[in-house]
């Protein structure tokens, strides 16, 4: 009986291993991805004035797009700042005005921009941060 239980456990472990391997071998969950493009992030005053090439934009198979850009404020004021809900330029789907768009600036001046499309759009002339076209 113990041998049968051991065999069943071994078969189950092999099945899980095969399923995990197949899941990781599947095509990527994204349709397109860009890195290293020109992107504008905000400084501590909220001004879109920092040009950076530390950038990444991913368009997922679901149609969702997510952009990340990182820059450094040359004259930080020593306080944490967060700006949200602005129009942002995305690489693949254009301009997004999403309440979840966010730019945080650390006390040391590290500026991190994150933008999403998720069905929000705005006129092309309204974006002052994000991917530079």
Protein backbone atom coordinates (compact mmCIF):
# COMPACT_ATOMS: atom_id res chain seq x y z
CA UNK A 1 0.00 0.00 0.00
CA UNK A 2 2.88 2.35 0.83
CA UNK A 3 4.40 1.70 -2.58
CA UNK A 4 1.12 2.61 -4.27
CA UNK A 5 0.88 5.87 -2.29
CA UNK A 6 4.49 6.69 -3.14
CA UNK A 7 3.84 6.00 -6.83
CA UNK A 8 0.74 8.23 -6.80
CA UNK A 9 2.72 11.04 -5.14
CA UNK A 10 5.50 10.69 -7.72
CA UNK A 11 3.04 10.77 -10.63
CA UNK A 12 1.37 13.89 -9.18
CA UNK A 13 4.75 15.62 -8.75
CA UNK A 14 5.70 14.87 -12.37
CA UNK A 15 2.33 16.17 -13.59
CA UNK A 16 2.77 19.43 -11.68
CA UNK A 17 6.31 19.79 -13.04
CA UNK A 18 5.14 19.27 -16.63
CA UNK A 19 2.27 21.76 -16.20
CA UNK A 20 4.62 24.40 -14.77
CA UNK A 21 7.13 23.89 -17.59
CA UNK A 22 4.39 24.27 -20.20
CA UNK A 23 3.07 27.42 -18.54
CA UNK A 24 6.49 29.08 -18.59
CA UNK A 25 7.19 27.94 -22.15
CA UNK A 26 4.05 29.65 -23.47
CA UNK A 27 4.26 32.86 -25.47
CA UNK A 28 4.86 36.05 -23.45
CA UNK A 29 1.90 37.84 -21.89
CA UNK A 30 2.76 41.01 -23.79
CA UNK A 31 2.28 41.94 -27.43
CA UNK A 32 5.02 44.56 -27.65
CA UNK A 33 7.63 46.23 -25.48
CA UNK A 34 9.97 49.23 -25.85
CA UNK A 35 12.83 50.42 -23.67
CA UNK A 36 15.29 53.31 -23.75
CA UNK A 37 13.06 55.85 -25.52
CA UNK A 38 12.90 59.57 -24.69
CA UNK A 39 10.51 60.25 -21.82
CA UNK A 40 9.66 63.33 -19.74
CA UNK A 41 9.07 63.12 -15.98
CA UNK A 42 8.14 65.77 -13.43
CA UNK A 43 10.43 67.59 -11.02
CA UNK A 44 9.54 68.32 -7.37
CA UNK A 45 7.37 71.30 -8.37
CA UNK A 46 5.26 69.15 -10.73
CA UNK A 47 6.85 70.73 -13.80
CA UNK A 48 7.41 68.28 -16.68
CA UNK A 49 11.05 69.28 -17.12
CA UNK A 50 13.25 66.18 -16.80
CA UNK A 51 14.14 64.34 -20.01
CA UNK A 52 15.28 60.76 -19.47
CA UNK A 53 15.97 57.62 -21.48
CA UNK A 54 15.47 55.31 -18.48
CA UNK A 55 12.12 54.10 -19.81
CA UNK A 56 10.00 51.06 -20.46
CA UNK A 57 6.59 50.65 -22.10
CA UNK A 58 4.73 47.34 -22.33
CA UNK A 59 1.61 46.64 -24.39
CA UNK A 60 -0.05 43.49 -23.03
CA UNK A 61 -2.09 41.02 -25.10
CA UNK A 62 -5.18 42.23 -23.21
CA UNK A 63 -4.73 45.72 -24.70
CA UNK A 64 -3.57 47.25 -21.41
CA UNK A 65 -0.47 49.41 -21.71
CA UNK A 66 1.88 50.41 -18.91
CA UNK A 67 4.72 52.95 -19.07
CA UNK A 68 7.52 53.48 -16.54
CA UNK A 69 10.15 56.24 -16.70
CA UNK A 70 12.80 57.19 -14.16
CA UNK A 71 14.71 60.47 -13.94
CA UNK A 72 16.56 62.60 -11.41
CA UNK A 73 15.47 66.07 -10.29
CA UNK A 74 18.68 68.15 -10.38
CA UNK A 75 17.54 70.37 -7.49
CA UNK A 76 15.38 68.34 -5.05
CA UNK A 77 13.86 70.13 -2.08
CA UNK A 78 14.23 67.27 0.42
CA UNK A 79 10.51 66.43 0.52
CA UNK A 80 8.45 63.60 -0.97
CA UNK A 81 5.99 64.61 -3.72
CA UNK A 82 3.29 62.71 -5.60
CA UNK A 83 1.32 63.93 -8.61
CA UNK A 84 -1.60 61.91 -10.03
CA UNK A 85 -4.35 61.94 -12.63
CA UNK A 86 -2.63 63.75 -15.51
CA UNK A 87 -2.45 63.08 -19.24
CA UNK A 88 0.49 60.90 -20.23
CA UNK A 89 1.98 59.92 -23.58
CA UNK A 90 2.19 56.17 -24.19
CA UNK A 91 4.28 54.53 -26.92
CA UNK A 92 1.64 52.27 -28.51
CA UNK A 93 -1.84 53.60 -27.73
CA UNK A 94 -1.19 57.35 -27.61
CA UNK A 95 -2.37 59.72 -24.89
CA UNK A 96 -3.96 58.44 -21.69
CA UNK A 97 -5.72 60.51 -19.07
CA UNK A 98 -6.03 57.97 -16.29
CA UNK A 99 -6.64 58.80 -12.62
CA UNK A 100 -4.04 56.11 -11.80
CA UNK A 101 -1.23 57.88 -13.70
CA UNK A 102 1.33 58.79 -11.07
CA UNK A 103 4.68 60.57 -10.76
CA UNK A 104 6.49 60.34 -7.43
CA UNK A 105 9.58 62.33 -6.50
CA UNK A 106 11.67 61.13 -3.57
CA UNK A 107 13.40 63.31 -1.00
CA UNK A 108 16.64 62.84 -2.94
CA UNK A 109 15.06 63.76 -6.30
CA UNK A 110 14.42 60.35 -7.85
CA UNK A 111 11.42 60.86 -10.13
CA UNK A 112 9.36 57.76 -11.06
CA UNK A 113 6.54 58.04 -13.60
CA UNK A 114 3.95 55.29 -14.11
CA UNK A 115 1.11 55.58 -16.64
CA UNK A 116 -1.66 53.23 -17.83
CA UNK A 117 -4.17 53.32 -20.66
CA UNK A 118 -7.00 51.09 -19.35
CA UNK A 119 -9.55 52.77 -21.60
CA UNK A 120 -8.80 56.38 -20.63
CA UNK A 121 -7.90 58.77 -23.43
CA UNK A 122 -7.41 62.51 -23.93
CA UNK A 123 -6.71 64.91 -26.80
CA UNK A 124 -3.19 64.52 -28.21
CA UNK A 125 -2.23 68.06 -27.27
CA UNK A 126 -2.85 67.55 -23.54
CA UNK A 127 0.09 65.29 -22.54
CA UNK A 128 3.17 66.95 -21.12
CA UNK A 129 4.80 63.86 -19.56
CA UNK A 130 5.54 60.38 -20.80
CA UNK A 131 6.89 59.16 -24.11
CA UNK A 132 8.20 61.89 -26.40
CA UNK A 133 6.86 61.63 -29.94
